[in-house]
Amino acid sequence: MKAIKLLTLLCVLSCGVFCGTTRGVEVQPTVIQMPSSPGEPFSFDLVISAEPNPLAQAFQATIDSISPSGLLTFDIPSSEAVSGVPVYWLYANSAGAAAIGSGAGPFTFGDNPNDGEAQELTVGEVVARYVFTWGGTEGDYTFTFDLDTAMSYILLEDLSSKEALQLSGGGDSFTVYIPEPNTLVLLGLGCLTFLKKRRL
């Protein structure tokens, strides 16, 4: 009996050493533009937030839904134009970007494998930028990701292995509050008044 338990333990340990585990790639949603009037863009980046991961070749992330629905319109060209950002690691993104979205979702964005040249992930690099046109309704907007490896992943340099995508802090969603335009205007005027008083 002891021999069987010992053999089982050795099998488990060897599998952990030789088979390895899927570490996943951790990203932090970071708001980069808040709208101040209807029709203006709201956008956020997915930024690598964990320690460096294996070499990667391609990326894909899928937002399963946005709540409330119908108040943000996915801006595909602006989302693809992120290739000019210095820390945007994806290889040849401007030529290989793929962004699909309509209605309430899902919204899939990523780049395609290109020439087999893998890029190494490092902390602080932008993986993708999601840009939406705001309809003008204030309130909480919740973005829920489909974190199934078939829908959201980092494709490794062998062009077949995938690392799971994970949101920093756990879970599969994050919420952003967009205030009404009048509130933003009042805040701006208040700041201007404060600056004038300080100069006096």
C-alpha atoms as a PDB file:
ATOM      1  CA  MET A   1       0.000   0.000   0.000  1.00  0.00           C
ATOM      2  CA  LYS A   2       2.824   2.385   0.895  1.00  0.00           C
ATOM      3  CA  ALA A   3       4.539   1.526  -2.370  1.00  0.00           C
ATOM      4  CA  ILE A   4       1.405   2.435  -4.359  1.00  0.00           C
ATOM      5  CA  LYS A   5       1.085   5.788  -2.549  1.00  0.00           C
ATOM      6  CA  LEU A   6       4.754   6.522  -3.145  1.00  0.00           C
ATOM      7  CA  LEU A   7       4.433   5.654  -6.837  1.00  0.00           C
ATOM      8  CA  THR A   8       1.369   7.887  -7.173  1.00  0.00           C
ATOM      9  CA  LEU A   9       3.206  10.784  -5.506  1.00  0.00           C
ATOM     10  CA  LEU A  10       6.194  10.365  -7.834  1.00  0.00           C
ATOM     11  CA  CYS A  11       3.907  10.352 -10.887  1.00  0.00           C
ATOM     12  CA  VAL A  12       2.219  13.583  -9.762  1.00  0.00           C
ATOM     13  CA  LEU A  13       5.552  15.289  -9.080  1.00  0.00           C
ATOM     14  CA  SER A  14       7.074  14.181 -12.379  1.00  0.00           C
ATOM     15  CA  CYS A  15       4.030  15.386 -14.275  1.00  0.00           C
ATOM     16  CA  GLY A  16       4.339  18.774 -12.577  1.00  0.00           C
ATOM     17  CA  VAL A  17       8.015  19.005 -13.518  1.00  0.00           C
ATOM     18  CA  PHE A  18       7.903  17.683 -17.072  1.00  0.00           C
ATOM     19  CA  CYS A  19       4.430  18.629 -18.211  1.00  0.00           C
ATOM     20  CA  GLY A  20       4.399  22.102 -16.666  1.00  0.00           C
ATOM     21  CA  THR A  21       1.327  24.218 -16.079  1.00  0.00           C
ATOM     22  CA  THR A  22      -0.413  26.917 -18.089  1.00  0.00           C
ATOM     23  CA  ARG A  23       0.700  30.122 -16.427  1.00  0.00           C
ATOM     24  CA  GLY A  24      -1.452  32.465 -18.433  1.00  0.00           C
ATOM     25  CA  VAL A  25      -0.763  36.047 -19.451  1.00  0.00           C
ATOM     26  CA  GLU A  26      -2.040  38.692 -17.040  1.00  0.00           C
ATOM     27  CA  VAL A  27      -3.286  42.012 -18.429  1.00  0.00           C
ATOM     28  CA  GLN A  28      -4.603  45.147 -16.721  1.00  0.00           C
ATOM     29  CA  PRO A  29      -7.332  47.219 -18.445  1.00  0.00           C
ATOM     30  CA  THR A  30      -6.159  50.843 -18.355  1.00  0.00           C
ATOM     31  CA  VAL A  31      -8.446  53.720 -19.427  1.00  0.00           C
ATOM     32  CA  ILE A  32      -6.608  56.121 -21.729  1.00  0.00           C
ATOM     33  CA  GLN A  33      -9.424  58.379 -22.955  1.00  0.00           C
ATOM     34  CA  MET A  34     -12.649  59.463 -21.281  1.00  0.00           C
ATOM     35  CA  PRO A  35     -15.303  61.203 -23.438  1.00  0.00           C
ATOM     36  CA  SER A  36     -16.519  64.698 -22.553  1.00  0.00           C
ATOM     37  CA  SER A  37     -19.478  64.853 -24.950  1.00  0.00           C
ATOM     38  CA  PRO A  38     -21.625  62.446 -26.989  1.00  0.00           C
ATOM     39  CA  GLY A  39     -19.894  61.077 -30.073  1.00  0.00           C
ATOM     40  CA  GLU A  40     -16.420  61.271 -28.552  1.00  0.00           C
ATOM     41  CA  PRO A  41     -14.269  58.183 -28.030  1.00  0.00           C
ATOM     42  CA  PHE A  42     -13.865  56.147 -24.877  1.00  0.00           C
ATOM     43  CA  SER A  43     -10.879  53.841 -24.970  1.00  0.00           C
ATOM     44  CA  PHE A  44      -8.807  51.513 -22.832  1.00  0.00           C
ATOM     45  CA  ASP A  45      -5.618  49.517 -23.295  1.00  0.00           C
ATOM     46  CA  LEU A  46      -4.891  45.983 -22.181  1.00  0.00           C
ATOM     47  CA  VAL A  47      -1.440  46.260 -20.585  1.00  0.00           C
ATOM     48  CA  ILE A  48       0.823  43.374 -19.518  1.00  0.00           C
ATOM     49  CA  SER A  49       0.796  43.530 -15.712  1.00  0.00           C
ATOM     50  CA  ALA A  50       2.624  40.383 -14.595  1.00  0.00           C
ATOM     51  CA  GLU A  51       6.246  39.287 -14.907  1.00  0.00           C
ATOM     52  CA  PRO A  52       7.619  38.623 -18.437  1.00  0.00           C
ATOM     53  CA  ASN A  53       6.084  35.606 -20.155  1.00  0.00           C
ATOM     54  CA  PRO A  54       7.281  33.305 -22.984  1.00  0.00           C
ATOM     55  CA  LEU A  55       7.942  34.558 -26.497  1.00  0.00           C
ATOM     56  CA  ALA A  56       4.673  35.208 -28.273  1.00  0.00           C
ATOM     57  CA  GLN A  57       3.633  35.449 -31.889  1.00  0.00           C
ATOM     58  CA  ALA A  58       0.052  36.656 -31.852  1.00  0.00           C
ATOM     59  CA  PHE A  59      -2.689  37.862 -29.556  1.00  0.00           C
ATOM     60  CA  GLN A  60      -6.468  37.774 -29.350  1.00  0.00           C
ATOM     61  CA  ALA A  61      -8.953  39.059 -26.774  1.00  0.00           C
ATOM     62  CA  THR A  62     -12.734  38.839 -26.916  1.00  0.00           C
ATOM     63  CA  ILE A  63     -15.163  41.062 -25.034  1.00  0.00           C
ATOM     64  CA  ASP A  64     -18.244  38.900 -24.670  1.00  0.00           C
ATOM     65  CA  SER A  65     -20.582  41.721 -23.694  1.00  0.00           C
ATOM     66  CA  ILE A  66     -20.860  45.338 -22.574  1.00  0.00           C
ATOM     67  CA  SER A  67     -23.479  46.437 -20.074  1.00  0.00           C
ATOM     68  CA  PRO A  68     -25.569  48.485 -20.604  1.00  0.00           C
ATOM     69  CA  SER A  69     -25.655  47.366 -24.240  1.00  0.00           C
ATOM     70  CA  GLY A  70     -26.074  49.612 -27.244  1.00  0.00           C
ATOM     71  CA  LEU A  71     -24.519  52.728 -25.661  1.00  0.00           C
ATOM     72  CA  LEU A  72     -20.976  52.228 -26.954  1.00  0.00           C
ATOM     73  CA  THR A  73     -20.085  51.637 -30.611  1.00  0.00           C
ATOM     74  CA  PHE A  74     -16.890  49.721 -31.348  1.00  0.00           C
ATOM     75  CA  ASP A  75     -14.509  51.872 -33.442  1.00  0.00           C
ATOM     76  CA  ILE A  76     -12.513  49.334 -35.460  1.00  0.00           C
ATOM     77  CA  PRO A  77     -10.127  51.693 -37.361  1.00  0.00           C
ATOM     78  CA  SER A  78      -9.125  53.536 -34.172  1.00  0.00           C
ATOM     79  CA  SER A  79      -8.576  50.251 -32.354  1.00  0.00           C
ATOM     80  CA  GLU A  80      -6.286  49.024 -35.137  1.00  0.00           C
ATOM     81  CA  ALA A  81      -4.331  52.297 -35.257  1.00  0.00           C
ATOM     82  CA  VAL A  82      -2.582  51.554 -31.963  1.00  0.00           C
ATOM     83  CA  SER A  83       0.468  50.251 -33.871  1.00  0.00           C
ATOM     84  CA  GLY A  84       2.094  53.683 -33.460  1.00  0.00           C
ATOM     85  CA  VAL A  85       2.383  53.272 -29.684  1.00  0.00           C
ATOM     86  CA  PRO A  86       6.075  52.571 -28.814  1.00  0.00           C
ATOM     87  CA  VAL A  87       5.278  49.880 -26.249  1.00  0.00           C
ATOM     88  CA  TYR A  88       2.788  48.072 -28.470  1.00  0.00           C
ATOM     89  CA  TRP A  89       4.569  44.747 -28.874  1.00  0.00           C
ATOM     90  CA  LEU A  90       2.503  43.008 -31.542  1.00  0.00           C
ATOM     91  CA  TYR A  91       4.456  42.279 -34.703  1.00  0.00           C
ATOM     92  CA  ALA A  92       3.289  44.128 -37.831  1.00  0.00           C
ATOM     93  CA  ASN A  93      -0.023  44.954 -36.198  1.00  0.00           C
ATOM     94  CA  SER A  94      -0.998  47.645 -38.713  1.00  0.00           C
ATOM     95  CA  ALA A  95      -0.973  44.997 -41.457  1.00  0.00           C
ATOM     96  CA  GLY A  96      -2.290  42.074 -39.481  1.00  0.00           C
ATOM     97  CA  ALA A  97      -4.893  43.525 -37.117  1.00  0.00           C
ATOM     98  CA  ALA A  98      -8.311  41.933 -36.972  1.00  0.00           C
ATOM     99  CA  ALA A  99     -11.177  43.613 -35.169  1.00  0.00           C
ATOM    100  CA  ILE A 100     -14.755  42.402 -35.416  1.00  0.00           C
ATOM    101  CA  GLY A 101     -17.728  43.787 -33.552  1.00  0.00           C
ATOM    102  CA  SER A 102     -21.369  44.623 -34.071  1.00  0.00           C
ATOM    103  CA  GLY A 103     -24.387  45.255 -31.884  1.00  0.00           C
ATOM    104  CA  ALA A 104     -23.866  44.296 -28.258  1.00  0.00           C
ATOM    105  CA  GLY A 105     -20.916  41.971 -28.920  1.00  0.00           C
ATOM    106  CA  PRO A 106     -18.912  39.900 -28.908  1.00  0.00           C
ATOM    107  CA  PHE A 107     -15.993  42.148 -29.843  1.00  0.00           C
ATOM    108  CA  THR A 108     -12.823  40.325 -30.888  1.00  0.00           C
ATOM    109  CA  PHE A 109      -9.529  42.106 -31.414  1.00  0.00           C
ATOM    110  CA  GLY A 110      -6.007  40.916 -32.047  1.00  0.00           C
ATOM    111  CA  ASP A 111      -3.245  40.524 -34.592  1.00  0.00           C
ATOM    112  CA  ASN A 112      -2.520  37.630 -36.930  1.00  0.00           C
ATOM    113  CA  PRO A 113       0.680  35.530 -37.080  1.00  0.00           C
ATOM    114  CA  ASN A 114       3.124  37.233 -39.436  1.00  0.00           C
ATOM    115  CA  ASP A 115       6.356  35.776 -40.836  1.00  0.00           C
ATOM    116  CA  GLY A 116       6.964  33.598 -37.789  1.00  0.00           C
ATOM    117  CA  GLU A 117       8.767  36.344 -35.879  1.00  0.00           C
ATOM    118  CA  ALA A 118       7.897  36.035 -32.198  1.00  0.00           C
ATOM    119  CA  GLN A 119       7.934  38.960 -29.777  1.00  0.00           C
ATOM    120  CA  GLU A 120       8.732  38.725 -26.075  1.00  0.00           C
ATOM    121  CA  LEU A 121       6.147  40.024 -23.614  1.00  0.00           C
ATOM    122  CA  THR A 122       7.336  42.442 -20.944  1.00  0.00           C
ATOM    123  CA  VAL A 123       5.531  44.243 -18.124  1.00  0.00           C
ATOM    124  CA  GLY A 124       4.015  47.575 -19.141  1.00  0.00           C
ATOM    125  CA  GLU A 125       3.594  46.774 -22.826  1.00  0.00           C
ATOM    126  CA  VAL A 126       0.262  47.397 -24.521  1.00  0.00           C
ATOM    127  CA  VAL A 127      -1.346  44.265 -25.926  1.00  0.00           C
ATOM    128  CA  ALA A 128      -4.409  45.879 -27.500  1.00  0.00           C
ATOM    129  CA  ARG A 129      -6.477  49.053 -27.536  1.00  0.00           C
ATOM    130  CA  TYR A 130     -10.262  49.023 -27.564  1.00  0.00           C
ATOM    131  CA  VAL A 131     -11.871  52.267 -28.802  1.00  0.00           C
ATOM    132  CA  PHE A 132     -15.608  52.944 -28.593  1.00  0.00           C
ATOM    133  CA  THR A 133     -17.785  55.922 -29.545  1.00  0.00           C
ATOM    134  CA  TRP A 134     -19.817  57.061 -26.541  1.00  0.00           C
ATOM    135  CA  GLY A 135     -23.562  57.641 -26.926  1.00  0.00           C
ATOM    136  CA  GLY A 136     -23.705  60.223 -24.136  1.00  0.00           C
ATOM    137  CA  THR A 137     -25.362  58.201 -21.347  1.00  0.00           C
ATOM    138  CA  GLU A 138     -23.675  58.524 -17.960  1.00  0.00           C
ATOM    139  CA  GLY A 139     -23.241  55.582 -15.651  1.00  0.00           C
ATOM    140  CA  ASP A 140     -21.307  52.374 -15.047  1.00  0.00           C
ATOM    141  CA  TYR A 141     -20.119  50.448 -18.087  1.00  0.00           C
ATOM    142  CA  THR A 142     -19.118  46.839 -17.454  1.00  0.00           C
ATOM    143  CA  PHE A 143     -16.905  45.000 -19.934  1.00  0.00           C
ATOM    144  CA  THR A 144     -17.032  41.196 -19.645  1.00  0.00           C
ATOM    145  CA  PHE A 145     -14.344  39.142 -21.384  1.00  0.00           C
ATOM    146  CA  ASP A 146     -14.651  35.647 -22.770  1.00  0.00           C
ATOM    147  CA  LEU A 147     -11.511  34.172 -21.210  1.00  0.00           C
ATOM    148  CA  ASP A 148     -11.886  30.739 -22.782  1.00  0.00           C
ATOM    149  CA  THR A 149      -8.513  29.972 -24.404  1.00  0.00           C
ATOM    150  CA  ALA A 150     -10.233  29.588 -27.784  1.00  0.00           C
ATOM    151  CA  MET A 151     -11.418  33.219 -27.598  1.00  0.00           C
ATOM    152  CA  SER A 152      -8.737  35.084 -25.613  1.00  0.00           C
ATOM    153  CA  TYR A 153      -5.124  33.982 -25.729  1.00  0.00           C
ATOM    154  CA  ILE A 154      -1.466  34.647 -26.522  1.00  0.00           C
ATOM    155  CA  LEU A 155      -0.185  32.429 -29.343  1.00  0.00           C
ATOM    156  CA  LEU A 156       3.388  31.308 -28.664  1.00  0.00           C
ATOM    157  CA  GLU A 157       6.289  31.199 -31.085  1.00  0.00           C
ATOM    158  CA  ASP A 158       5.563  27.639 -32.227  1.00  0.00           C
ATOM    159  CA  LEU A 159       2.301  29.056 -33.693  1.00  0.00           C
ATOM    160  CA  SER A 160       0.227  26.345 -32.012  1.00  0.00           C
ATOM    161  CA  SER A 161       0.650  26.603 -28.215  1.00  0.00           C
ATOM    162  CA  LYS A 162      -1.608  29.076 -26.436  1.00  0.00           C
ATOM    163  CA  GLU A 163      -1.297  30.845 -23.086  1.00  0.00           C
ATOM    164  CA  ALA A 164      -4.519  31.780 -21.330  1.00  0.00           C
ATOM    165  CA  LEU A 165      -5.397  35.452 -20.953  1.00  0.00           C
ATOM    166  CA  GLN A 166      -6.204  36.630 -17.418  1.00  0.00           C
ATOM    167  CA  LEU A 167      -7.427  39.961 -16.048  1.00  0.00           C
ATOM    168  CA  SER A 168      -5.341  41.446 -13.264  1.00  0.00           C
ATOM    169  CA  GLY A 169      -7.080  40.961  -9.930  1.00  0.00           C
ATOM    170  CA  GLY A 170      -9.032  37.939 -11.160  1.00  0.00           C
ATOM    171  CA  GLY A 171     -12.521  37.695 -12.554  1.00  0.00           C
ATOM    172  CA  ASP A 172     -13.600  38.200 -16.155  1.00  0.00           C
ATOM    173  CA  SER A 173     -14.865  41.798 -16.141  1.00  0.00           C
ATOM    174  CA  PHE A 174     -14.140  45.376 -15.096  1.00  0.00           C
ATOM    175  CA  THR A 175     -16.361  48.442 -14.697  1.00  0.00           C
ATOM    176  CA  VAL A 176     -15.755  52.081 -15.598  1.00  0.00           C
ATOM    177  CA  TYR A 177     -17.948  55.023 -14.594  1.00  0.00           C
ATOM    178  CA  ILE A 178     -18.476  57.630 -17.324  1.00  0.00           C
ATOM    179  CA  PRO A 179     -19.954  60.855 -15.887  1.00  0.00           C
ATOM    180  CA  GLU A 180     -22.497  63.025 -17.711  1.00  0.00           C
ATOM    181  CA  PRO A 181     -21.000  65.728 -19.989  1.00  0.00           C
ATOM    182  CA  ASN A 182     -22.284  68.591 -17.785  1.00  0.00           C
ATOM    183  CA  THR A 183     -20.379  67.177 -14.806  1.00  0.00           C
ATOM    184  CA  LEU A 184     -17.163  67.078 -16.809  1.00  0.00           C
ATOM    185  CA  VAL A 185     -17.679  70.679 -17.960  1.00  0.00           C
ATOM    186  CA  LEU A 186     -18.317  71.863 -14.389  1.00  0.00           C
ATOM    187  CA  LEU A 187     -15.220  70.053 -13.175  1.00  0.00           C
ATOM    188  CA  GLY A 188     -13.193  71.754 -15.896  1.00  0.00           C
ATOM    189  CA  LEU A 189     -14.567  75.209 -15.020  1.00  0.00           C
ATOM    190  CA  GLY A 190     -13.871  74.583 -11.339  1.00  0.00           C
ATOM    191  CA  CYS A 191     -10.250  73.745 -12.112  1.00  0.00           C
ATOM    192  CA  LEU A 192      -9.880  76.922 -14.214  1.00  0.00           C
ATOM    193  CA  THR A 193     -11.307  79.066 -11.377  1.00  0.00           C
ATOM    194  CA  PHE A 194      -8.939  77.468  -8.887  1.00  0.00           C
ATOM    195  CA  LEU A 195      -5.940  78.129 -11.137  1.00  0.00           C
ATOM    196  CA  LYS A 196      -6.945  81.805 -11.585  1.00  0.00           C
ATOM    197  CA  LYS A 197      -7.226  82.294  -7.803  1.00  0.00           C
ATOM    198  CA  ARG A 198      -3.797  80.781  -7.279  1.00  0.00           C
ATOM    199  CA  ARG A 199      -2.240  83.131  -9.853  1.00  0.00           C
ATOM    200  CA  LEU A 200      -3.771  86.134  -8.086  1.00  0.00           C
END
